[in-house]
PDB file of all heavy atoms in Angstrom:
ATOM      1  N   ARG A   1     222.349  -2.065 -57.730  1.00  0.00           N
ATOM      2  CA  ARG A   1     221.453  -3.169 -58.300  1.00  0.00           C
ATOM      3  C   ARG A   1     220.741  -3.744 -57.033  1.00  0.00           C
ATOM      4  O   ARG A   1     221.376  -4.487 -56.194  1.00  0.00           O
ATOM      5  CB  ARG A   1     222.325  -4.235 -58.873  1.00  0.00           C
ATOM      6  CG  ARG A   1     222.972  -3.675 -60.174  1.00  0.00           C
ATOM      7  CD  ARG A   1     223.829  -4.702 -60.895  1.00  0.00           C
ATOM      8  NE  ARG A   1     223.223  -5.967 -61.091  1.00  0.00           N
ATOM      9  CZ  ARG A   1     222.485  -6.221 -62.151  1.00  0.00           C
ATOM     10  NH1 ARG A   1     222.351  -5.438 -63.169  1.00  0.00           N
ATOM     11  NH2 ARG A   1     221.877  -7.470 -62.276  1.00  0.00           N
ATOM     12  N   PHE A   2     219.470  -3.505 -56.962  1.00  0.00           N
ATOM     13  CA  PHE A   2     218.689  -4.027 -55.867  1.00  0.00           C
ATOM     14  C   PHE A   2     218.164  -5.359 -56.079  1.00  0.00           C
ATOM     15  O   PHE A   2     217.675  -6.049 -55.017  1.00  0.00           O
ATOM     16  CB  PHE A   2     217.480  -3.022 -55.644  1.00  0.00           C
ATOM     17  CG  PHE A   2     217.895  -1.625 -55.101  1.00  0.00           C
ATOM     18  CD1 PHE A   2     218.139  -0.648 -55.999  1.00  0.00           C
ATOM     19  CD2 PHE A   2     218.056  -1.471 -53.754  1.00  0.00           C
ATOM     20  CE1 PHE A   2     218.542   0.639 -55.451  1.00  0.00           C
ATOM     21  CE2 PHE A   2     218.380  -0.221 -53.178  1.00  0.00           C
ATOM     22  CZ  PHE A   2     218.560   0.813 -54.102  1.00  0.00           C
ATOM     23  N   ALA A   3     218.229  -5.971 -57.285  1.00  0.00           N
ATOM     24  CA  ALA A   3     217.771  -7.352 -57.516  1.00  0.00           C
ATOM     25  C   ALA A   3     218.397  -8.338 -56.539  1.00  0.00           C
ATOM     26  O   ALA A   3     217.679  -9.213 -56.060  1.00  0.00           O
ATOM     27  CB  ALA A   3     217.953  -7.639 -58.829  1.00  0.00           C
ATOM     28  N   PRO A   4     219.754  -8.296 -56.368  1.00  0.00           N
ATOM     29  CA  PRO A   4     220.314  -9.291 -55.493  1.00  0.00           C
ATOM     30  C   PRO A   4     219.933  -9.306 -54.063  1.00  0.00           C
ATOM     31  O   PRO A   4     220.119 -10.356 -53.355  1.00  0.00           O
ATOM     32  CB  PRO A   4     221.771  -9.110 -55.642  1.00  0.00           C
ATOM     33  CG  PRO A   4     221.869  -8.379 -56.938  1.00  0.00           C
ATOM     34  CD  PRO A   4     220.736  -7.499 -57.117  1.00  0.00           C
ATOM     35  N   ILE A   5     219.381  -8.159 -53.651  1.00  0.00           N
ATOM     36  CA  ILE A   5     218.912  -8.062 -52.221  1.00  0.00           C
ATOM     37  C   ILE A   5     217.479  -8.138 -52.111  1.00  0.00           C
ATOM     38  O   ILE A   5     216.882  -7.628 -51.061  1.00  0.00           O
ATOM     39  CB  ILE A   5     219.580  -6.867 -51.515  1.00  0.00           C
ATOM     40  CG1 ILE A   5     219.002  -5.509 -52.057  1.00  0.00           C
ATOM     41  CG2 ILE A   5     221.070  -6.926 -51.530  1.00  0.00           C
ATOM     42  CD1 ILE A   5     219.356  -4.347 -51.189  1.00  0.00           C
ATOM     43  N   ALA A   6     216.680  -8.338 -53.098  1.00  0.00           N
ATOM     44  CA  ALA A   6     215.258  -8.270 -53.078  1.00  0.00           C
ATOM     45  C   ALA A   6     214.690  -9.306 -52.173  1.00  0.00           C
ATOM     46  O   ALA A   6     213.435  -9.161 -51.800  1.00  0.00           O
ATOM     47  CB  ALA A   6     214.716  -8.636 -54.599  1.00  0.00           C
ATOM     48  N   HIS A   7     215.375 -10.343 -51.687  1.00  0.00           N
ATOM     49  CA  HIS A   7     214.941 -11.265 -50.733  1.00  0.00           C
ATOM     50  C   HIS A   7     214.684 -10.528 -49.431  1.00  0.00           C
ATOM     51  O   HIS A   7     213.852 -11.067 -48.527  1.00  0.00           O
ATOM     52  CB  HIS A   7     215.854 -12.463 -50.430  1.00  0.00           C
ATOM     53  CG  HIS A   7     217.232 -12.082 -50.057  1.00  0.00           C
ATOM     54  ND1 HIS A   7     218.106 -11.477 -50.844  1.00  0.00           N
ATOM     55  CD2 HIS A   7     217.742 -12.180 -48.871  1.00  0.00           C
ATOM     56  CE1 HIS A   7     219.184 -11.193 -50.286  1.00  0.00           C
ATOM     57  NE2 HIS A   7     219.026 -11.724 -49.007  1.00  0.00           N
ATOM     58  N   THR A   8     215.251  -9.408 -49.178  1.00  0.00           N
ATOM     59  CA  THR A   8     214.969  -8.571 -47.962  1.00  0.00           C
ATOM     60  C   THR A   8     213.759  -7.662 -48.093  1.00  0.00           C
ATOM     61  O   THR A   8     213.455  -7.071 -47.033  1.00  0.00           O
ATOM     62  CB  THR A   8     216.274  -7.843 -47.536  1.00  0.00           C
ATOM     63  OG1 THR A   8     216.467  -6.781 -48.571  1.00  0.00           O
ATOM     64  CG2 THR A   8     217.588  -8.631 -47.580  1.00  0.00           C
ATOM     65  N   PHE A   9     213.129  -7.552 -49.168  1.00  0.00           N
ATOM     66  CA  PHE A   9     212.091  -6.624 -49.345  1.00  0.00           C
ATOM     67  C   PHE A   9     210.967  -6.904 -48.409  1.00  0.00           C
ATOM     68  O   PHE A   9     210.332  -5.988 -47.855  1.00  0.00           O
ATOM     69  CB  PHE A   9     211.622  -6.621 -50.812  1.00  0.00           C
ATOM     70  CG  PHE A   9     212.451  -5.853 -51.712  1.00  0.00           C
ATOM     71  CD1 PHE A   9     213.726  -5.394 -51.408  1.00  0.00           C
ATOM     72  CD2 PHE A   9     212.040  -5.427 -52.961  1.00  0.00           C
ATOM     73  CE1 PHE A   9     214.525  -4.622 -52.202  1.00  0.00           C
ATOM     74  CE2 PHE A   9     212.806  -4.672 -53.886  1.00  0.00           C
ATOM     75  CZ  PHE A   9     214.121  -4.296 -53.416  1.00  0.00           C
ATOM     76  N   PRO A  10     210.505  -8.072 -48.222  1.00  0.00           N
ATOM     77  CA  PRO A  10     209.373  -8.395 -47.109  1.00  0.00           C
ATOM     78  C   PRO A  10     209.706  -7.874 -45.736  1.00  0.00           C
ATOM     79  O   PRO A  10     208.840  -7.358 -45.023  1.00  0.00           O
ATOM     80  CB  PRO A  10     209.253  -9.855 -47.263  1.00  0.00           C
ATOM     81  CG  PRO A  10     209.637 -10.320 -48.540  1.00  0.00           C
ATOM     82  CD  PRO A  10     210.818  -9.314 -48.818  1.00  0.00           C
ATOM     83  N   VAL A  11     210.984  -8.135 -45.380  1.00  0.00           N
ATOM     84  CA  VAL A  11     211.392  -7.661 -44.098  1.00  0.00           C
ATOM     85  C   VAL A  11     211.400  -6.080 -44.004  1.00  0.00           C
ATOM     86  O   VAL A  11     210.833  -5.565 -42.950  1.00  0.00           O
ATOM     87  CB  VAL A  11     212.788  -8.104 -43.754  1.00  0.00           C
ATOM     88  CG1 VAL A  11     213.231  -7.689 -42.350  1.00  0.00           C
ATOM     89  CG2 VAL A  11     212.938  -9.642 -43.818  1.00  0.00           C
ATOM     90  N   ALA A  12     211.853  -5.506 -45.019  1.00  0.00           N
ATOM     91  CA  ALA A  12     211.842  -4.022 -45.176  1.00  0.00           C
ATOM     92  C   ALA A  12     210.364  -3.601 -45.122  1.00  0.00           C
ATOM     93  O   ALA A  12     210.042  -2.500 -44.403  1.00  0.00           O
ATOM     94  CB  ALA A  12     212.560  -3.564 -46.342  1.00  0.00           C
ATOM     95  N   GLY A  13     209.447  -4.232 -45.841  1.00  0.00           N
ATOM     96  CA  GLY A  13     208.091  -3.775 -45.845  1.00  0.00           C
ATOM     97  C   GLY A  13     207.456  -3.959 -44.583  1.00  0.00           C
ATOM     98  O   GLY A  13     206.679  -2.998 -44.165  1.00  0.00           O
ATOM     99  N   PHE A  14     207.829  -4.924 -43.843  1.00  0.00           N
ATOM    100  CA  PHE A  14     207.264  -5.141 -42.368  1.00  0.00           C
ATOM    101  C   PHE A  14     207.618  -3.925 -41.651  1.00  0.00           C
ATOM    102  O   PHE A  14     206.827  -3.366 -40.887  1.00  0.00           O
ATOM    103  CB  PHE A  14     207.744  -6.465 -41.961  1.00  0.00           C
ATOM    104  CG  PHE A  14     207.045  -6.821 -40.675  1.00  0.00           C
ATOM    105  CD1 PHE A  14     206.048  -7.741 -40.684  1.00  0.00           C
ATOM    106  CD2 PHE A  14     207.536  -6.390 -39.260  1.00  0.00           C
ATOM    107  CE1 PHE A  14     205.349  -8.098 -39.448  1.00  0.00           C
ATOM    108  CE2 PHE A  14     206.851  -6.670 -38.273  1.00  0.00           C
ATOM    109  CZ  PHE A  14     205.764  -7.640 -38.207  1.00  0.00           C
ATOM    110  N   LEU A  15     208.936  -3.633 -41.644  1.00  0.00           N
ATOM    111  CA  LEU A  15     209.484  -2.448 -40.844  1.00  0.00           C
ATOM    112  C   LEU A  15     208.843  -1.207 -41.256  1.00  0.00           C
ATOM    113  O   LEU A  15     208.628  -0.331 -40.367  1.00  0.00           O
ATOM    114  CB  LEU A  15     211.032  -2.425 -40.892  1.00  0.00           C
ATOM    115  CG  LEU A  15     211.791  -3.683 -40.372  1.00  0.00           C
ATOM    116  CD1 LEU A  15     213.256  -3.513 -40.687  1.00  0.00           C
ATOM    117  CD2 LEU A  15     211.499  -3.820 -38.855  1.00  0.00           C
ATOM    118  N   ILE A  16     208.717  -0.971 -42.485  1.00  0.00           N
ATOM    119  CA  ILE A  16     208.196   0.327 -43.044  1.00  0.00           C
ATOM    120  C   ILE A  16     206.781   0.542 -42.555  1.00  0.00           C
ATOM    121  O   ILE A  16     206.396   1.629 -42.383  1.00  0.00           O
ATOM    122  CB  ILE A  16     208.303   0.322 -44.612  1.00  0.00           C
ATOM    123  CG1 ILE A  16     209.796   0.560 -45.022  1.00  0.00           C
ATOM    124  CG2 ILE A  16     207.491   1.447 -45.226  1.00  0.00           C
ATOM    125  CD1 ILE A  16     210.017   0.232 -46.492  1.00  0.00           C
ATOM    126  N   ALA A  17     205.940  -0.570 -42.518  1.00  0.00           N
ATOM    127  CA  ALA A  17     204.637  -0.494 -42.033  1.00  0.00           C
ATOM    128  C   ALA A  17     204.400  -0.355 -40.578  1.00  0.00           C
ATOM    129  O   ALA A  17     203.248  -0.121 -40.134  1.00  0.00           O
ATOM    130  CB  ALA A  17     203.877  -1.682 -42.550  1.00  0.00           C
ATOM    131  N   LEU A  18     205.458  -0.561 -39.768  1.00  0.00           N
ATOM    132  CA  LEU A  18     205.305  -0.501 -38.276  1.00  0.00           C
ATOM    133  C   LEU A  18     204.733   0.859 -37.944  1.00  0.00           C
ATOM    134  O   LEU A  18     203.961   1.045 -36.881  1.00  0.00           O
ATOM    135  CB  LEU A  18     206.620  -0.738 -37.618  1.00  0.00           C
ATOM    136  CG  LEU A  18     206.916  -2.296 -37.699  1.00  0.00           C
ATOM    137  CD1 LEU A  18     208.401  -2.517 -36.932  1.00  0.00           C
ATOM    138  CD2 LEU A  18     205.843  -3.127 -36.901  1.00  0.00           C
ATOM    139  N   PRO A  19     205.220   1.984 -38.296  1.00  0.00           N
ATOM    140  CA  PRO A  19     204.785   3.266 -37.836  1.00  0.00           C
ATOM    141  C   PRO A  19     203.189   3.392 -38.045  1.00  0.00           C
ATOM    142  O   PRO A  19     202.405   3.910 -37.225  1.00  0.00           O
ATOM    143  CB  PRO A  19     205.367   4.383 -38.657  1.00  0.00           C
ATOM    144  CG  PRO A  19     206.758   3.747 -39.078  1.00  0.00           C
ATOM    145  CD  PRO A  19     206.368   2.248 -39.226  1.00  0.00           C
ATOM    146  N   GLY A  20     202.691   2.981 -39.214  1.00  0.00           N
ATOM    147  CA  GLY A  20     201.305   3.112 -39.521  1.00  0.00           C
ATOM    148  C   GLY A  20     200.509   2.127 -38.609  1.00  0.00           C
ATOM    149  O   GLY A  20     199.444   2.398 -38.115  1.00  0.00           O
ATOM    150  N   ALA A  21     201.056   0.946 -38.393  1.00  0.00           N
ATOM    151  CA  ALA A  21     200.519  -0.022 -37.427  1.00  0.00           C
ATOM    152  C   ALA A  21     200.441   0.520 -35.970  1.00  0.00           C
ATOM    153  O   ALA A  21     199.343   0.434 -35.292  1.00  0.00           O
ATOM    154  CB  ALA A  21     201.182  -1.404 -37.420  1.00  0.00           C
ATOM    155  N   LEU A  22     201.502   1.222 -35.595  1.00  0.00           N
ATOM    156  CA  LEU A  22     201.431   1.777 -34.190  1.00  0.00           C
ATOM    157  C   LEU A  22     200.412   2.841 -34.108  1.00  0.00           C
ATOM    158  O   LEU A  22     199.664   2.954 -33.072  1.00  0.00           O
ATOM    159  CB  LEU A  22     202.850   2.395 -33.939  1.00  0.00           C
ATOM    160  CG  LEU A  22     203.067   3.074 -32.610  1.00  0.00           C
ATOM    161  CD1 LEU A  22     202.775   2.046 -31.424  1.00  0.00           C
ATOM    162  CD2 LEU A  22     204.486   3.703 -32.456  1.00  0.00           C
ATOM    163  N   LEU A  23     200.312   3.713 -35.154  1.00  0.00           N
ATOM    164  CA  LEU A  23     199.315   4.783 -35.124  1.00  0.00           C
ATOM    165  C   LEU A  23     197.895   4.198 -35.153  1.00  0.00           C
ATOM    166  O   LEU A  23     196.991   4.658 -34.348  1.00  0.00           O
ATOM    167  CB  LEU A  23     199.485   5.646 -36.345  1.00  0.00           C
ATOM    168  CG  LEU A  23     198.432   6.761 -36.451  1.00  0.00           C
ATOM    169  CD1 LEU A  23     198.428   7.730 -35.273  1.00  0.00           C
ATOM    170  CD2 LEU A  23     198.618   7.513 -37.814  1.00  0.00           C
ATOM    171  N   PHE A  24     197.660   3.093 -35.897  1.00  0.00           N
ATOM    172  CA  PHE A  24     196.475   2.518 -35.957  1.00  0.00           C
ATOM    173  C   PHE A  24     196.038   1.909 -34.607  1.00  0.00           C
ATOM    174  O   PHE A  24     194.916   2.068 -34.078  1.00  0.00           O
ATOM    175  CB  PHE A  24     196.488   1.239 -36.919  1.00  0.00           C
ATOM    176  CG  PHE A  24     195.155   0.673 -37.278  1.00  0.00           C
ATOM    177  CD1 PHE A  24     194.005   1.309 -37.473  1.00  0.00           C
ATOM    178  CD2 PHE A  24     195.135  -0.807 -37.472  1.00  0.00           C
ATOM    179  CE1 PHE A  24     192.895   0.751 -37.810  1.00  0.00           C
ATOM    180  CE2 PHE A  24     193.932  -1.342 -37.788  1.00  0.00           C
ATOM    181  CZ  PHE A  24     192.816  -0.692 -37.948  1.00  0.00           C
ATOM    182  N   TRP A  25     196.931   1.219 -33.976  1.00  0.00           N
ATOM    183  CA  TRP A  25     196.725   0.728 -32.644  1.00  0.00           C
ATOM    184  C   TRP A  25     196.384   1.897 -31.640  1.00  0.00           C
ATOM    185  O   TRP A  25     195.516   1.776 -30.761  1.00  0.00           O
ATOM    186  CB  TRP A  25     197.906  -0.100 -32.143  1.00  0.00           C
ATOM    187  CG  TRP A  25     197.823  -0.549 -30.617  1.00  0.00           C
ATOM    188  CD1 TRP A  25     197.184  -1.563 -30.072  1.00  0.00           C
ATOM    189  CD2 TRP A  25     198.609   0.146 -29.575  1.00  0.00           C
ATOM    190  NE1 TRP A  25     197.362  -1.554 -28.821  1.00  0.00           N
ATOM    191  CE2 TRP A  25     198.211  -0.505 -28.399  1.00  0.00           C
ATOM    192  CE3 TRP A  25     199.493   1.270 -29.502  1.00  0.00           C
ATOM    193  CZ2 TRP A  25     198.694  -0.152 -27.170  1.00  0.00           C
ATOM    194  CZ3 TRP A  25     199.923   1.499 -28.323  1.00  0.00           C
ATOM    195  CH2 TRP A  25     199.589   0.913 -27.114  1.00  0.00           C
ATOM    196  N   LEU A  26     197.226   2.880 -31.669  1.00  0.00           N
ATOM    197  CA  LEU A  26     197.026   3.954 -30.677  1.00  0.00           C
ATOM    198  C   LEU A  26     195.665   4.657 -30.805  1.00  0.00           C
ATOM    199  O   LEU A  26     194.974   4.949 -29.894  1.00  0.00           O
ATOM    200  CB  LEU A  26     198.248   5.023 -30.934  1.00  0.00           C
ATOM    201  CG  LEU A  26     198.224   6.170 -30.002  1.00  0.00           C
ATOM    202  CD1 LEU A  26     198.318   5.718 -28.457  1.00  0.00           C
ATOM    203  CD2 LEU A  26     199.310   7.189 -30.297  1.00  0.00           C
ATOM    204  N   LEU A  27     195.197   4.859 -32.008  1.00  0.00           N
ATOM    205  CA  LEU A  27     194.068   5.538 -32.252  1.00  0.00           C
ATOM    206  C   LEU A  27     192.796   4.590 -31.831  1.00  0.00           C
ATOM    207  O   LEU A  27     191.855   5.111 -31.251  1.00  0.00           O
ATOM    208  CB  LEU A  27     193.804   5.869 -33.773  1.00  0.00           C
ATOM    209  CG  LEU A  27     194.754   7.033 -34.352  1.00  0.00           C
ATOM    210  CD1 LEU A  27     194.668   7.058 -35.802  1.00  0.00           C
ATOM    211  CD2 LEU A  27     194.425   8.321 -33.700  1.00  0.00           C
ATOM    212  N   LEU A  28     192.967   3.349 -32.013  1.00  0.00           N
ATOM    213  CA  LEU A  28     191.878   2.395 -31.672  1.00  0.00           C
ATOM    214  C   LEU A  28     191.838   2.423 -30.079  1.00  0.00           C
ATOM    215  O   LEU A  28     190.713   2.263 -29.514  1.00  0.00           O
ATOM    216  CB  LEU A  28     192.221   0.965 -32.165  1.00  0.00           C
ATOM    217  CG  LEU A  28     192.015   0.908 -33.824  1.00  0.00           C
ATOM    218  CD1 LEU A  28     192.478  -0.611 -34.151  1.00  0.00           C
ATOM    219  CD2 LEU A  28     190.542   1.103 -34.085  1.00  0.00           C
ATOM    220  N   MET A  29     192.958   2.422 -29.485  1.00  0.00           N
ATOM    221  CA  MET A  29     193.040   2.465 -27.938  1.00  0.00           C
ATOM    222  C   MET A  29     192.351   3.726 -27.418  1.00  0.00           C
ATOM    223  O   MET A  29     191.890   3.685 -26.286  1.00  0.00           O
ATOM    224  CB  MET A  29     194.478   2.289 -27.473  1.00  0.00           C
ATOM    225  CG  MET A  29     195.056   0.878 -27.755  1.00  0.00           C
ATOM    226  SD  MET A  29     194.181  -0.397 -26.939  1.00  0.00           S
ATOM    227  CE  MET A  29     194.593   0.015 -25.206  1.00  0.00           C
ATOM    228  N   LEU A  30     192.516   4.834 -28.166  1.00  0.00           N
ATOM    229  CA  LEU A  30     191.942   6.147 -27.759  1.00  0.00           C
ATOM    230  C   LEU A  30     190.476   6.182 -28.107  1.00  0.00           C
ATOM    231  O   LEU A  30     189.889   7.261 -27.666  1.00  0.00           O
ATOM    232  CB  LEU A  30     192.661   7.259 -28.253  1.00  0.00           C
ATOM    233  CG  LEU A  30     194.234   7.419 -27.830  1.00  0.00           C
ATOM    234  CD1 LEU A  30     194.866   8.433 -28.540  1.00  0.00           C
ATOM    235  CD2 LEU A  30     194.152   7.651 -26.379  1.00  0.00           C
ATOM    236  N   GLY A  31     189.876   5.144 -28.750  1.00  0.00           N
ATOM    237  CA  GLY A  31     188.498   5.261 -28.985  1.00  0.00           C
ATOM    238  C   GLY A  31     188.140   5.760 -30.293  1.00  0.00           C
ATOM    239  O   GLY A  31     186.878   6.053 -30.577  1.00  0.00           O
ATOM    240  N   ALA A  32     189.080   5.924 -31.225  1.00  0.00           N
ATOM    241  CA  ALA A  32     188.750   6.480 -32.546  1.00  0.00           C
ATOM    242  C   ALA A  32     187.894   5.495 -33.285  1.00  0.00           C
ATOM    243  O   ALA A  32     187.947   4.358 -33.069  1.00  0.00           O
ATOM    244  CB  ALA A  32     190.036   6.795 -33.301  1.00  0.00           C
ATOM    245  N   SER A  33     187.116   6.038 -34.259  1.00  0.00           N
ATOM    246  CA  SER A  33     186.397   5.173 -35.226  1.00  0.00           C
ATOM    247  C   SER A  33     187.389   4.290 -35.904  1.00  0.00           C
ATOM    248  O   SER A  33     188.409   4.731 -36.483  1.00  0.00           O
ATOM    249  CB  SER A  33     185.609   6.070 -36.168  1.00  0.00           C
ATOM    250  OG  SER A  33     185.288   5.277 -37.306  1.00  0.00           O
ATOM    251  N   PRO A  34     187.044   2.969 -36.157  1.00  0.00           N
ATOM    252  CA  PRO A  34     188.012   2.135 -36.818  1.00  0.00           C
ATOM    253  C   PRO A  34     188.236   2.574 -38.254  1.00  0.00           C
ATOM    254  O   PRO A  34     189.409   2.514 -38.758  1.00  0.00           O
ATOM    255  CB  PRO A  34     187.108   0.768 -36.907  1.00  0.00           C
ATOM    256  CG  PRO A  34     186.249   0.811 -35.698  1.00  0.00           C
ATOM    257  CD  PRO A  34     185.937   2.234 -35.489  1.00  0.00           C
ATOM    258  N   LEU A  35     187.284   3.154 -38.946  1.00  0.00           N
ATOM    259  CA  LEU A  35     187.521   3.641 -40.289  1.00  0.00           C
ATOM    260  C   LEU A  35     188.440   4.879 -40.329  1.00  0.00           C
ATOM    261  O   LEU A  35     189.350   5.000 -41.128  1.00  0.00           O
ATOM    262  CB  LEU A  35     186.141   4.043 -40.991  1.00  0.00           C
ATOM    263  CG  LEU A  35     186.270   4.492 -42.468  1.00  0.00           C
ATOM    264  CD1 LEU A  35     186.891   3.445 -43.315  1.00  0.00           C
ATOM    265  CD2 LEU A  35     184.883   4.812 -42.961  1.00  0.00           C
ATOM    266  N   VAL A  36     188.153   5.779 -39.349  1.00  0.00           N
ATOM    267  CA  VAL A  36     189.167   6.997 -39.233  1.00  0.00           C
ATOM    268  C   VAL A  36     190.520   6.507 -38.879  1.00  0.00           C
ATOM    269  O   VAL A  36     191.453   6.997 -39.541  1.00  0.00           O
ATOM    270  CB  VAL A  36     188.496   7.957 -38.142  1.00  0.00           C
ATOM    271  CG1 VAL A  36     189.703   9.035 -37.835  1.00  0.00           C
ATOM    272  CG2 VAL A  36     187.248   8.555 -38.658  1.00  0.00           C
ATOM    273  N   ALA A  37     190.710   5.549 -37.996  1.00  0.00           N
ATOM    274  CA  ALA A  37     191.883   5.061 -37.596  1.00  0.00           C
ATOM    275  C   ALA A  37     192.642   4.437 -38.762  1.00  0.00           C
ATOM    276  O   ALA A  37     193.824   4.599 -39.026  1.00  0.00           O
ATOM    277  CB  ALA A  37     191.859   4.104 -36.426  1.00  0.00           C
ATOM    278  N   ALA A  38     191.925   3.614 -39.498  1.00  0.00           N
ATOM    279  CA  ALA A  38     192.480   2.989 -40.746  1.00  0.00           C
ATOM    280  C   ALA A  38     192.893   3.997 -41.787  1.00  0.00           C
ATOM    281  O   ALA A  38     194.090   3.866 -42.366  1.00  0.00           O
ATOM    282  CB  ALA A  38     191.426   2.029 -41.276  1.00  0.00           C
TER     283      ALA A  38
END
């Protein structure tokens, strides 16, 4: 039953999105097009 721990979902969502954010930052630092990086 995940309902009782649903208050942790935003924290989990933040952590889950970190790999994508890291790739986004890395591609932008390497000079990739913003749209391609996104």
